[in-house]
Amino acid sequence: MSHWRSYSKTSLLMAWSVVERCMADLVERLVPDELWVLFRQVVPPTEVRRPQGGGPAAGR
């Protein structure tokens, strides 16, 4: 059995949330402001949608 399977889904999601915040912080600190200005001129802002529910337990 894989080691990660011993953790609950909630624990894994919480851990990923921490990793995601750390990566975002790292990128913001390492990328110069001038590069962000150029990036925003080329890549439009996106809206992140994460639908809730609808998993296997939803029909129970």
C-alpha atoms as a PDB file:
ATOM      1  CA  MET A   1       0.000   0.000   0.000  1.00  0.00           C
ATOM      2  CA  SER A   2       1.306   3.448  -0.885  1.00  0.00           C
ATOM      3  CA  HIS A   3       2.271   5.737   1.972  1.00  0.00           C
ATOM      4  CA  TRP A   4       0.033   8.616   0.826  1.00  0.00           C
ATOM      5  CA  ARG A   5      -3.054   6.400   1.016  1.00  0.00           C
ATOM      6  CA  SER A   6      -2.781   6.327   4.797  1.00  0.00           C
ATOM      7  CA  TYR A   7      -3.758  10.031   4.925  1.00  0.00           C
ATOM      8  CA  SER A   8      -7.315  11.294   4.691  1.00  0.00           C
ATOM      9  CA  LYS A   9      -8.438  13.251   1.643  1.00  0.00           C
ATOM     10  CA  THR A  10      -8.904  16.340   3.828  1.00  0.00           C
ATOM     11  CA  SER A  11      -5.332  16.113   5.125  1.00  0.00           C
ATOM     12  CA  LEU A  12      -3.960  15.840   1.595  1.00  0.00           C
ATOM     13  CA  LEU A  13      -6.022  18.823   0.425  1.00  0.00           C
ATOM     14  CA  MET A  14      -4.826  20.900   3.379  1.00  0.00           C
ATOM     15  CA  ALA A  15      -1.207  19.949   2.660  1.00  0.00           C
ATOM     16  CA  TRP A  16      -1.594  20.854  -1.015  1.00  0.00           C
ATOM     17  CA  SER A  17      -3.086  24.202  -0.004  1.00  0.00           C
ATOM     18  CA  VAL A  18       0.052  24.978   2.018  1.00  0.00           C
ATOM     19  CA  VAL A  19       2.319  23.957  -0.880  1.00  0.00           C
ATOM     20  CA  GLU A  20       0.289  26.091  -3.278  1.00  0.00           C
ATOM     21  CA  ARG A  21       0.598  29.178  -1.040  1.00  0.00           C
ATOM     22  CA  CYS A  22       4.340  28.634  -0.599  1.00  0.00           C
ATOM     23  CA  MET A  23       4.861  28.341  -4.352  1.00  0.00           C
ATOM     24  CA  ALA A  24       2.831  31.489  -5.027  1.00  0.00           C
ATOM     25  CA  ASP A  25       4.856  33.358  -2.400  1.00  0.00           C
ATOM     26  CA  LEU A  26       8.129  32.099  -3.883  1.00  0.00           C
ATOM     27  CA  VAL A  27       7.152  33.165  -7.410  1.00  0.00           C
ATOM     28  CA  GLU A  28       6.072  36.609  -6.217  1.00  0.00           C
ATOM     29  CA  ARG A  29       9.414  37.127  -4.462  1.00  0.00           C
ATOM     30  CA  LEU A  30      11.607  35.845  -7.298  1.00  0.00           C
ATOM     31  CA  VAL A  31       9.915  37.436 -10.321  1.00  0.00           C
ATOM     32  CA  PRO A  32      10.706  41.137 -10.791  1.00  0.00           C
ATOM     33  CA  ASP A  33       7.769  43.562 -10.900  1.00  0.00           C
ATOM     34  CA  GLU A  34       8.698  44.633 -14.417  1.00  0.00           C
ATOM     35  CA  LEU A  35       8.271  41.077 -15.647  1.00  0.00           C
ATOM     36  CA  TRP A  36       4.815  40.865 -14.026  1.00  0.00           C
ATOM     37  CA  VAL A  37       3.804  44.029 -15.894  1.00  0.00           C
ATOM     38  CA  LEU A  38       4.850  42.464 -19.204  1.00  0.00           C
ATOM     39  CA  PHE A  39       3.182  39.171 -18.301  1.00  0.00           C
ATOM     40  CA  ARG A  40      -0.146  40.875 -17.534  1.00  0.00           C
ATOM     41  CA  GLN A  41      -0.053  42.655 -20.904  1.00  0.00           C
ATOM     42  CA  VAL A  42       0.132  39.298 -22.678  1.00  0.00           C
ATOM     43  CA  VAL A  43      -1.840  36.941 -20.404  1.00  0.00           C
ATOM     44  CA  PRO A  44      -5.284  38.073 -19.247  1.00  0.00           C
ATOM     45  CA  PRO A  45      -6.341  37.413 -15.639  1.00  0.00           C
ATOM     46  CA  THR A  46      -8.203  34.165 -15.092  1.00  0.00           C
ATOM     47  CA  GLU A  47     -10.984  33.206 -12.738  1.00  0.00           C
ATOM     48  CA  VAL A  48     -10.385  29.964 -10.884  1.00  0.00           C
ATOM     49  CA  ARG A  49     -13.543  27.935 -10.452  1.00  0.00           C
ATOM     50  CA  ARG A  50     -13.599  24.985  -8.114  1.00  0.00           C
ATOM     51  CA  PRO A  51     -17.062  23.451  -7.989  1.00  0.00           C
ATOM     52  CA  GLN A  52     -18.092  22.023  -4.640  1.00  0.00           C
ATOM     53  CA  GLY A  53     -19.849  18.734  -4.082  1.00  0.00           C
ATOM     54  CA  GLY A  54     -20.975  16.248  -6.669  1.00  0.00           C
ATOM     55  CA  GLY A  55     -18.680  13.473  -5.485  1.00  0.00           C
ATOM     56  CA  PRO A  56     -19.662   9.833  -4.986  1.00  0.00           C
ATOM     57  CA  ALA A  57     -21.214  10.572  -1.578  1.00  0.00           C
ATOM     58  CA  ALA A  58     -23.527  13.269  -3.003  1.00  0.00           C
ATOM     59  CA  GLY A  59     -26.101  10.724  -4.166  1.00  0.00           C
ATOM     60  CA  ARG A  60     -26.368   9.034  -0.793  1.00  0.00           C
END
